[in-house]
Amino acid sequence: MAQVAWLMGSDSDLPKLEAGFNTLKELGISVEGRVLSAHRTPEQTREFVQRAEAGGVKVFICAAGMAAHLAGAVAAHSARPVIGIPVASGALNGLDALLSTAQMPPGVPVATVGIDGAVNAAVLAAQIIGTGDANVAKKVIEWRAAQTAKVLEKDARLQQKLKG
């Protein structure tokens, strides 16, 4: 079983989530992706969570739009950390999903990233895994250094442009 189980409410969300999958790969973290629904496949969702935990999954990432109950449903059935990604969709363009994902009842925590925040969810999952895996922690530090270098390169180009 993978280190991260990534559930999404619809395969139509995949384009918004791909950067997160790619970030996990860059960090050397195995991921399994599934399309499941808190509303339409509640039994299958529960069964998947139980199998994933038994198989050694360390973190769940759940992406859903609108009512966005998937992360809460997973958190209700798991002792592992759950990260929720509210997906921009519907008339409220993700605000409803953000509020649904962040507002869990006491005892059912879901760490919530911003709307369409797949990369942040991936990095947070890596940080969680890195608390017990020095290799992953090192890769997170290296990834962040690469992000810093990219920003500094952009700054240098801007400075050159302004001087020229």
N, C-alpha and C. Protein backbone atom coordinates (compact mmCIF):
# COMPACT_ATOMS: atom_id res chain seq x y z
N MET A 1 0.85 -1.18 0.00
CA MET A 1 0.00 0.00 0.00
C MET A 1 0.90 1.24 0.00
N ALA A 2 0.41 2.29 -0.54
CA ALA A 2 1.13 3.55 -0.64
C ALA A 2 1.22 4.24 0.72
N GLN A 3 2.12 5.23 0.82
CA GLN A 3 2.23 6.02 2.04
C GLN A 3 1.08 7.02 2.16
N VAL A 4 0.61 7.53 1.01
CA VAL A 4 -0.49 8.49 0.99
C VAL A 4 -1.63 7.92 0.16
N ALA A 5 -2.83 7.98 0.71
CA ALA A 5 -4.03 7.62 -0.05
C ALA A 5 -4.72 8.93 -0.40
N TRP A 6 -4.92 9.16 -1.70
CA TRP A 6 -5.49 10.42 -2.20
C TRP A 6 -6.86 10.10 -2.78
N LEU A 7 -7.89 10.58 -2.13
CA LEU A 7 -9.25 10.34 -2.59
C LEU A 7 -9.81 11.63 -3.17
N MET A 8 -10.56 11.49 -4.24
CA MET A 8 -11.20 12.65 -4.83
C MET A 8 -12.65 12.30 -5.12
N GLY A 9 -13.50 13.32 -5.01
CA GLY A 9 -14.92 13.12 -5.21
C GLY A 9 -15.30 12.88 -6.66
N SER A 10 -14.45 13.32 -7.59
CA SER A 10 -14.74 13.16 -9.01
C SER A 10 -13.44 13.16 -9.79
N ASP A 11 -13.40 12.37 -10.86
CA ASP A 11 -12.20 12.38 -11.70
C ASP A 11 -12.07 13.70 -12.46
N SER A 12 -13.13 14.48 -12.52
CA SER A 12 -13.03 15.80 -13.16
C SER A 12 -12.15 16.75 -12.34
N ASP A 13 -11.87 16.40 -11.07
CA ASP A 13 -10.99 17.21 -10.23
C ASP A 13 -9.51 16.97 -10.52
N LEU A 14 -9.20 15.91 -11.24
CA LEU A 14 -7.80 15.53 -11.44
C LEU A 14 -6.92 16.64 -12.00
N PRO A 15 -7.35 17.42 -13.00
CA PRO A 15 -6.46 18.49 -13.49
C PRO A 15 -6.05 19.49 -12.40
N LYS A 16 -6.91 19.72 -11.43
CA LYS A 16 -6.59 20.65 -10.35
C LYS A 16 -5.68 20.01 -9.30
N LEU A 17 -5.58 18.69 -9.32
CA LEU A 17 -4.85 17.96 -8.29
C LEU A 17 -3.52 17.40 -8.76
N GLU A 18 -3.31 17.36 -10.07
CA GLU A 18 -2.11 16.73 -10.63
C GLU A 18 -0.82 17.28 -10.08
N ALA A 19 -0.74 18.58 -9.86
CA ALA A 19 0.49 19.16 -9.33
C ALA A 19 0.81 18.58 -7.94
N GLY A 20 -0.20 18.26 -7.18
CA GLY A 20 0.02 17.63 -5.87
C GLY A 20 0.56 16.22 -6.00
N PHE A 21 -0.01 15.44 -6.93
CA PHE A 21 0.52 14.10 -7.18
C PHE A 21 1.98 14.18 -7.59
N ASN A 22 2.29 15.13 -8.48
CA ASN A 22 3.66 15.30 -8.97
C ASN A 22 4.60 15.70 -7.84
N THR A 23 4.13 16.54 -6.92
CA THR A 23 4.96 16.95 -5.79
C THR A 23 5.29 15.76 -4.90
N LEU A 24 4.30 14.90 -4.65
CA LEU A 24 4.56 13.70 -3.86
C LEU A 24 5.61 12.82 -4.54
N LYS A 25 5.49 12.67 -5.86
CA LYS A 25 6.48 11.88 -6.60
C LYS A 25 7.87 12.50 -6.47
N GLU A 26 7.96 13.83 -6.61
CA GLU A 26 9.25 14.53 -6.45
C GLU A 26 9.86 14.26 -5.09
N LEU A 27 9.03 14.14 -4.09
CA LEU A 27 9.49 13.92 -2.72
C LEU A 27 9.69 12.44 -2.40
N GLY A 28 9.47 11.58 -3.38
CA GLY A 28 9.70 10.15 -3.20
C GLY A 28 8.66 9.46 -2.35
N ILE A 29 7.45 9.99 -2.34
CA ILE A 29 6.38 9.43 -1.52
C ILE A 29 5.39 8.71 -2.43
N SER A 30 5.11 7.47 -2.09
CA SER A 30 4.17 6.68 -2.89
C SER A 30 2.74 7.12 -2.59
N VAL A 31 1.93 7.12 -3.64
CA VAL A 31 0.55 7.60 -3.52
C VAL A 31 -0.38 6.69 -4.30
N GLU A 32 -1.53 6.45 -3.73
CA GLU A 32 -2.61 5.73 -4.43
C GLU A 32 -3.78 6.69 -4.54
N GLY A 33 -4.31 6.84 -5.73
CA GLY A 33 -5.46 7.71 -5.94
C GLY A 33 -6.72 6.93 -6.20
N ARG A 34 -7.83 7.40 -5.67
CA ARG A 34 -9.13 6.75 -5.85
C ARG A 34 -10.21 7.81 -6.01
N VAL A 35 -11.27 7.47 -6.75
CA VAL A 35 -12.47 8.30 -6.83
C VAL A 35 -13.52 7.62 -5.95
N LEU A 36 -13.90 8.31 -4.88
CA LEU A 36 -14.91 7.81 -3.95
C LEU A 36 -15.73 9.01 -3.48
N SER A 37 -16.89 8.73 -2.94
CA SER A 37 -17.79 9.81 -2.52
C SER A 37 -18.35 9.53 -1.14
N ALA A 38 -18.36 10.56 -0.32
CA ALA A 38 -18.96 10.43 1.00
C ALA A 38 -20.46 10.15 0.89
N HIS A 39 -21.09 10.67 -0.17
CA HIS A 39 -22.53 10.56 -0.33
C HIS A 39 -22.96 9.37 -1.18
N ARG A 40 -22.22 9.11 -2.24
CA ARG A 40 -22.64 8.09 -3.21
C ARG A 40 -22.00 6.72 -2.97
N THR A 41 -20.85 6.69 -2.30
CA THR A 41 -20.19 5.40 -2.03
C THR A 41 -19.72 5.35 -0.57
N PRO A 42 -20.61 5.57 0.38
CA PRO A 42 -20.16 5.62 1.78
C PRO A 42 -19.56 4.31 2.28
N GLU A 43 -20.15 3.19 1.92
CA GLU A 43 -19.62 1.89 2.38
C GLU A 43 -18.26 1.60 1.76
N GLN A 44 -18.12 1.87 0.46
CA GLN A 44 -16.85 1.64 -0.21
C GLN A 44 -15.76 2.56 0.33
N THR A 45 -16.14 3.79 0.69
CA THR A 45 -15.18 4.72 1.28
C THR A 45 -14.69 4.19 2.61
N ARG A 46 -15.61 3.77 3.46
CA ARG A 46 -15.25 3.20 4.77
C ARG A 46 -14.36 1.99 4.60
N GLU A 47 -14.72 1.09 3.69
CA GLU A 47 -13.93 -0.12 3.47
C GLU A 47 -12.53 0.21 2.94
N PHE A 48 -12.44 1.20 2.05
CA PHE A 48 -11.13 1.60 1.53
C PHE A 48 -10.26 2.15 2.66
N VAL A 49 -10.83 2.99 3.51
CA VAL A 49 -10.07 3.57 4.62
C VAL A 49 -9.54 2.46 5.52
N GLN A 50 -10.36 1.50 5.83
CA GLN A 50 -9.92 0.40 6.69
C GLN A 50 -8.80 -0.41 6.04
N ARG A 51 -8.93 -0.72 4.74
CA ARG A 51 -7.88 -1.46 4.02
C ARG A 51 -6.59 -0.64 3.94
N ALA A 52 -6.74 0.66 3.69
CA ALA A 52 -5.56 1.52 3.57
C ALA A 52 -4.80 1.60 4.89
N GLU A 53 -5.53 1.77 5.98
CA GLU A 53 -4.88 1.82 7.29
C GLU A 53 -4.16 0.50 7.58
N ALA A 54 -4.84 -0.61 7.32
CA ALA A 54 -4.23 -1.92 7.55
C ALA A 54 -3.00 -2.12 6.67
N GLY A 55 -3.01 -1.50 5.50
CA GLY A 55 -1.89 -1.62 4.56
C GLY A 55 -0.76 -0.66 4.82
N GLY A 56 -0.89 0.22 5.80
CA GLY A 56 0.21 1.10 6.18
C GLY A 56 0.14 2.52 5.68
N VAL A 57 -0.98 2.95 5.14
CA VAL A 57 -1.10 4.35 4.73
C VAL A 57 -0.84 5.23 5.94
N LYS A 58 -0.06 6.28 5.73
CA LYS A 58 0.29 7.18 6.82
C LYS A 58 -0.58 8.44 6.85
N VAL A 59 -1.03 8.89 5.66
CA VAL A 59 -1.81 10.12 5.55
C VAL A 59 -2.86 9.95 4.46
N PHE A 60 -4.04 10.49 4.70
CA PHE A 60 -5.08 10.57 3.69
C PHE A 60 -5.18 12.01 3.20
N ILE A 61 -5.31 12.18 1.90
CA ILE A 61 -5.61 13.48 1.32
C ILE A 61 -6.94 13.32 0.60
N CYS A 62 -7.89 14.21 0.88
CA CYS A 62 -9.22 14.12 0.30
C CYS A 62 -9.58 15.43 -0.37
N ALA A 63 -9.94 15.35 -1.64
CA ALA A 63 -10.31 16.54 -2.40
C ALA A 63 -11.76 16.41 -2.85
N ALA A 64 -12.54 17.45 -2.55
CA ALA A 64 -13.94 17.44 -2.96
C ALA A 64 -14.45 18.87 -3.05
N GLY A 65 -15.45 19.04 -3.87
CA GLY A 65 -16.06 20.35 -4.04
C GLY A 65 -17.44 20.39 -3.40
N MET A 66 -18.03 21.55 -3.44
CA MET A 66 -19.37 21.84 -2.95
C MET A 66 -19.53 21.43 -1.48
N ALA A 67 -20.36 20.42 -1.17
CA ALA A 67 -20.57 20.04 0.22
C ALA A 67 -19.30 19.49 0.85
N ALA A 68 -18.43 18.87 0.07
CA ALA A 68 -17.09 18.44 0.48
C ALA A 68 -17.05 17.65 1.79
N HIS A 69 -17.86 16.63 1.89
CA HIS A 69 -17.88 15.82 3.11
C HIS A 69 -16.87 14.67 3.08
N LEU A 70 -16.17 14.48 1.98
CA LEU A 70 -15.28 13.32 1.84
C LEU A 70 -14.20 13.30 2.93
N ALA A 71 -13.52 14.41 3.17
CA ALA A 71 -12.47 14.43 4.18
C ALA A 71 -13.02 14.11 5.56
N GLY A 72 -14.16 14.64 5.89
CA GLY A 72 -14.77 14.36 7.19
C GLY A 72 -15.18 12.91 7.32
N ALA A 73 -15.71 12.33 6.25
CA ALA A 73 -16.10 10.91 6.28
C ALA A 73 -14.88 10.03 6.49
N VAL A 74 -13.78 10.38 5.82
CA VAL A 74 -12.55 9.60 5.99
C VAL A 74 -12.02 9.78 7.42
N ALA A 75 -11.99 11.01 7.91
CA ALA A 75 -11.50 11.28 9.27
C ALA A 75 -12.33 10.55 10.32
N ALA A 76 -13.63 10.40 10.07
CA ALA A 76 -14.49 9.71 11.02
C ALA A 76 -14.16 8.22 11.13
N HIS A 77 -13.52 7.68 10.09
CA HIS A 77 -13.20 6.24 10.06
C HIS A 77 -11.72 5.95 10.22
N SER A 78 -10.90 6.97 10.48
CA SER A 78 -9.46 6.76 10.48
C SER A 78 -8.80 7.37 11.70
N ALA A 79 -7.72 6.74 12.13
CA ALA A 79 -6.88 7.30 13.19
C ALA A 79 -5.66 8.00 12.58
N ARG A 80 -5.55 8.00 11.25
CA ARG A 80 -4.44 8.64 10.54
C ARG A 80 -4.80 10.10 10.24
N PRO A 81 -3.77 10.95 10.04
CA PRO A 81 -4.05 12.34 9.67
C PRO A 81 -4.79 12.42 8.33
N VAL A 82 -5.72 13.35 8.26
CA VAL A 82 -6.49 13.60 7.04
C VAL A 82 -6.31 15.06 6.65
N ILE A 83 -5.97 15.27 5.38
CA ILE A 83 -5.82 16.61 4.84
C ILE A 83 -6.93 16.81 3.82
N GLY A 84 -7.67 17.89 3.95
CA GLY A 84 -8.75 18.18 3.03
C GLY A 84 -8.38 19.28 2.06
N ILE A 85 -8.70 19.04 0.79
CA ILE A 85 -8.51 20.06 -0.25
C ILE A 85 -9.89 20.46 -0.76
N PRO A 86 -10.34 21.67 -0.45
CA PRO A 86 -11.58 22.13 -1.04
C PRO A 86 -11.34 22.45 -2.52
N VAL A 87 -12.22 21.94 -3.38
CA VAL A 87 -12.07 22.12 -4.82
C VAL A 87 -13.04 23.20 -5.29
N ALA A 88 -12.53 24.13 -6.09
CA ALA A 88 -13.37 25.19 -6.64
C ALA A 88 -14.38 24.58 -7.61
N SER A 89 -15.65 24.77 -7.32
CA SER A 89 -16.72 24.28 -8.19
C SER A 89 -18.03 24.91 -7.73
N GLY A 90 -19.05 24.77 -8.55
CA GLY A 90 -20.37 25.25 -8.18
C GLY A 90 -20.46 26.76 -8.12
N ALA A 91 -21.59 27.22 -7.68
CA ALA A 91 -21.91 28.65 -7.68
C ALA A 91 -21.01 29.45 -6.76
N LEU A 92 -20.50 28.83 -5.70
CA LEU A 92 -19.67 29.55 -4.74
C LEU A 92 -18.17 29.39 -5.01
N ASN A 93 -17.83 28.71 -6.10
CA ASN A 93 -16.45 28.57 -6.56
C ASN A 93 -15.48 28.08 -5.49
N GLY A 94 -15.94 27.19 -4.64
CA GLY A 94 -15.08 26.55 -3.65
C GLY A 94 -15.23 27.06 -2.23
N LEU A 95 -15.88 28.20 -2.03
CA LEU A 95 -16.04 28.70 -0.67
C LEU A 95 -16.86 27.73 0.18
N ASP A 96 -17.91 27.16 -0.42
CA ASP A 96 -18.71 26.17 0.30
C ASP A 96 -17.87 24.96 0.68
N ALA A 97 -17.02 24.51 -0.24
CA ALA A 97 -16.16 23.36 0.02
C ALA A 97 -15.14 23.69 1.12
N LEU A 98 -14.60 24.90 1.09
CA LEU A 98 -13.64 25.32 2.12
C LEU A 98 -14.29 25.27 3.50
N LEU A 99 -15.47 25.85 3.62
CA LEU A 99 -16.15 25.87 4.92
C LEU A 99 -16.55 24.47 5.36
N SER A 100 -17.02 23.64 4.42
CA SER A 100 -17.40 22.27 4.77
C SER A 100 -16.21 21.46 5.24
N THR A 101 -15.07 21.65 4.60
CA THR A 101 -13.88 20.88 4.94
C THR A 101 -13.28 21.33 6.27
N ALA A 102 -13.30 22.63 6.51
CA ALA A 102 -12.68 23.17 7.72
C ALA A 102 -13.54 22.99 8.97
N GLN A 103 -14.86 22.96 8.81
CA GLN A 103 -15.77 22.92 9.96
C GLN A 103 -16.13 21.50 10.34
N MET A 104 -15.23 20.79 10.98
CA MET A 104 -15.50 19.43 11.43
C MET A 104 -15.94 19.47 12.89
N PRO A 105 -16.73 18.49 13.29
CA PRO A 105 -17.14 18.45 14.70
C PRO A 105 -15.96 18.08 15.59
N PRO A 106 -16.04 18.41 16.88
CA PRO A 106 -14.96 18.05 17.79
C PRO A 106 -14.64 16.56 17.71
N GLY A 107 -13.35 16.25 17.67
CA GLY A 107 -12.92 14.86 17.63
C GLY A 107 -12.75 14.29 16.24
N VAL A 108 -13.10 15.07 15.22
CA VAL A 108 -12.95 14.61 13.83
C VAL A 108 -12.15 15.68 13.07
N PRO A 109 -10.86 15.81 13.39
CA PRO A 109 -10.08 16.87 12.77
C PRO A 109 -9.70 16.59 11.32
N VAL A 110 -9.71 17.64 10.52
CA VAL A 110 -9.23 17.59 9.15
C VAL A 110 -8.34 18.81 8.95
N ALA A 111 -7.08 18.58 8.62
CA ALA A 111 -6.20 19.70 8.29
C ALA A 111 -6.64 20.19 6.92
N THR A 112 -6.90 21.47 6.79
CA THR A 112 -7.46 22.00 5.55
C THR A 112 -6.50 22.97 4.90
N VAL A 113 -6.26 22.77 3.61
CA VAL A 113 -5.45 23.71 2.84
C VAL A 113 -6.40 24.60 2.05
N GLY A 114 -5.86 25.57 1.35
CA GLY A 114 -6.68 26.50 0.58
C GLY A 114 -7.37 25.84 -0.59
N ILE A 115 -8.31 26.55 -1.18
CA ILE A 115 -9.05 26.05 -2.33
C ILE A 115 -8.08 25.69 -3.44
N ASP A 116 -8.23 24.48 -3.98
CA ASP A 116 -7.36 23.92 -5.03
C ASP A 116 -5.91 23.84 -4.59
N GLY A 117 -5.66 23.68 -3.30
CA GLY A 117 -4.31 23.68 -2.73
C GLY A 117 -3.63 22.32 -2.73
N ALA A 118 -3.58 21.66 -3.87
CA ALA A 118 -3.03 20.31 -3.96
C ALA A 118 -1.55 20.25 -3.59
N VAL A 119 -0.77 21.22 -4.03
CA VAL A 119 0.66 21.19 -3.71
C VAL A 119 0.87 21.35 -2.21
N ASN A 120 0.14 22.26 -1.58
CA ASN A 120 0.28 22.43 -0.13
C ASN A 120 -0.15 21.16 0.61
N ALA A 121 -1.17 20.48 0.13
CA ALA A 121 -1.59 19.23 0.76
C ALA A 121 -0.49 18.19 0.64
N ALA A 122 0.14 18.11 -0.52
CA ALA A 122 1.23 17.15 -0.72
C ALA A 122 2.41 17.45 0.20
N VAL A 123 2.78 18.72 0.30
CA VAL A 123 3.91 19.09 1.16
C VAL A 123 3.57 18.84 2.62
N LEU A 124 2.35 19.16 3.04
CA LEU A 124 1.94 18.88 4.42
C LEU A 124 1.99 17.38 4.70
N ALA A 125 1.52 16.57 3.76
CA ALA A 125 1.60 15.11 3.94
C ALA A 125 3.06 14.67 4.08
N ALA A 126 3.93 15.23 3.26
CA ALA A 126 5.36 14.91 3.35
C ALA A 126 5.93 15.33 4.71
N GLN A 127 5.53 16.50 5.19
CA GLN A 127 6.02 16.94 6.51
C GLN A 127 5.56 15.99 7.61
N ILE A 128 4.31 15.54 7.51
CA ILE A 128 3.78 14.60 8.51
C ILE A 128 4.58 13.30 8.46
N ILE A 129 4.77 12.77 7.27
CA ILE A 129 5.54 11.54 7.11
C ILE A 129 6.99 11.76 7.55
N GLY A 130 7.52 12.95 7.27
CA GLY A 130 8.89 13.27 7.63
C GLY A 130 9.16 13.31 9.13
N THR A 131 8.13 13.42 9.95
CA THR A 131 8.35 13.39 11.40
C THR A 131 8.88 12.04 11.85
N GLY A 132 8.66 11.00 11.06
CA GLY A 132 9.16 9.67 11.40
C GLY A 132 10.09 9.09 10.35
N ASP A 133 10.42 9.88 9.32
CA ASP A 133 11.26 9.39 8.23
C ASP A 133 12.24 10.50 7.84
N ALA A 134 13.48 10.36 8.30
CA ALA A 134 14.49 11.40 8.08
C ALA A 134 14.75 11.64 6.59
N ASN A 135 14.64 10.60 5.77
CA ASN A 135 14.86 10.76 4.34
C ASN A 135 13.80 11.68 3.72
N VAL A 136 12.56 11.49 4.09
CA VAL A 136 11.49 12.36 3.59
C VAL A 136 11.67 13.77 4.12
N ALA A 137 12.03 13.93 5.38
CA ALA A 137 12.26 15.26 5.94
C ALA A 137 13.36 15.99 5.16
N LYS A 138 14.41 15.27 4.81
CA LYS A 138 15.51 15.86 4.03
C LYS A 138 15.01 16.28 2.65
N LYS A 139 14.19 15.46 2.03
CA LYS A 139 13.67 15.79 0.71
C LYS A 139 12.76 17.02 0.76
N VAL A 140 12.00 17.19 1.83
CA VAL A 140 11.16 18.39 1.98
C VAL A 140 12.05 19.63 2.06
N ILE A 141 13.12 19.55 2.84
CA ILE A 141 14.04 20.68 2.96
C ILE A 141 14.65 21.00 1.60
N GLU A 142 15.06 19.99 0.85
CA GLU A 142 15.63 20.20 -0.48
C GLU A 142 14.59 20.79 -1.44
N TRP A 143 13.36 20.32 -1.37
CA TRP A 143 12.29 20.83 -2.22
C TRP A 143 12.06 22.31 -1.94
N ARG A 144 12.03 22.65 -0.66
CA ARG A 144 11.84 24.07 -0.29
C ARG A 144 13.01 24.93 -0.77
N ALA A 145 14.22 24.41 -0.70
CA ALA A 145 15.38 25.15 -1.19
C ALA A 145 15.25 25.39 -2.70
N ALA A 146 14.74 24.41 -3.42
CA ALA A 146 14.53 24.57 -4.86
C ALA A 146 13.46 25.63 -5.13
N GLN A 147 12.43 25.69 -4.30
CA GLN A 147 11.40 26.72 -4.44
C GLN A 147 12.00 28.10 -4.20
N THR A 148 12.84 28.21 -3.20
CA THR A 148 13.53 29.47 -2.91
C THR A 148 14.37 29.90 -4.10
N ALA A 149 15.12 28.96 -4.67
CA ALA A 149 15.99 29.27 -5.82
C ALA A 149 15.17 29.78 -7.00
N LYS A 150 13.99 29.19 -7.22
CA LYS A 150 13.14 29.63 -8.33
C LYS A 150 12.69 31.09 -8.14
N VAL A 151 12.32 31.44 -6.93
CA VAL A 151 11.89 32.81 -6.66
C VAL A 151 13.06 33.77 -6.84
N LEU A 152 14.23 33.40 -6.34
CA LEU A 152 15.40 34.27 -6.46
C LEU A 152 15.82 34.43 -7.92
N GLU A 153 15.65 33.39 -8.73
CA GLU A 153 15.92 33.51 -10.17
C GLU A 153 14.97 34.51 -10.82
N LYS A 154 13.71 34.46 -10.46
CA LYS A 154 12.73 35.41 -10.98
C LYS A 154 13.09 36.83 -10.56
N ASP A 155 13.53 36.98 -9.32
CA ASP A 155 13.92 38.29 -8.83
C ASP A 155 15.13 38.81 -9.62
N ALA A 156 16.09 37.96 -9.86
CA ALA A 156 17.29 38.38 -10.61
C ALA A 156 16.91 38.80 -12.03
N ARG A 157 16.01 38.07 -12.67
CA ARG A 157 15.56 38.45 -14.02
C ARG A 157 14.86 39.80 -14.00
N LEU A 158 14.03 40.03 -12.99
CA LEU A 158 13.34 41.31 -12.87
C LEU A 158 14.36 42.44 -12.68
N GLN A 159 15.32 42.21 -11.80
CA GLN A 159 16.33 43.25 -11.55
C GLN A 159 17.10 43.57 -12.83
N GLN A 160 17.44 42.55 -13.60
CA GLN A 160 18.13 42.77 -14.88
C GLN A 160 17.26 43.56 -15.84
N LYS A 161 16.00 43.22 -15.90
CA LYS A 161 15.08 43.90 -16.80
C LYS A 161 14.93 45.38 -16.42
N LEU A 162 14.84 45.65 -15.14
CA LEU A 162 14.69 47.03 -14.68
C LEU A 162 15.96 47.86 -14.91
N LYS A 163 17.10 47.20 -14.87
CA LYS A 163 18.36 47.91 -15.11
C LYS A 163 18.58 48.17 -16.60
N GLY A 164 18.08 47.24 -17.43
CA GLY A 164 18.35 47.31 -18.87
C GLY A 164 17.49 48.24 -19.57
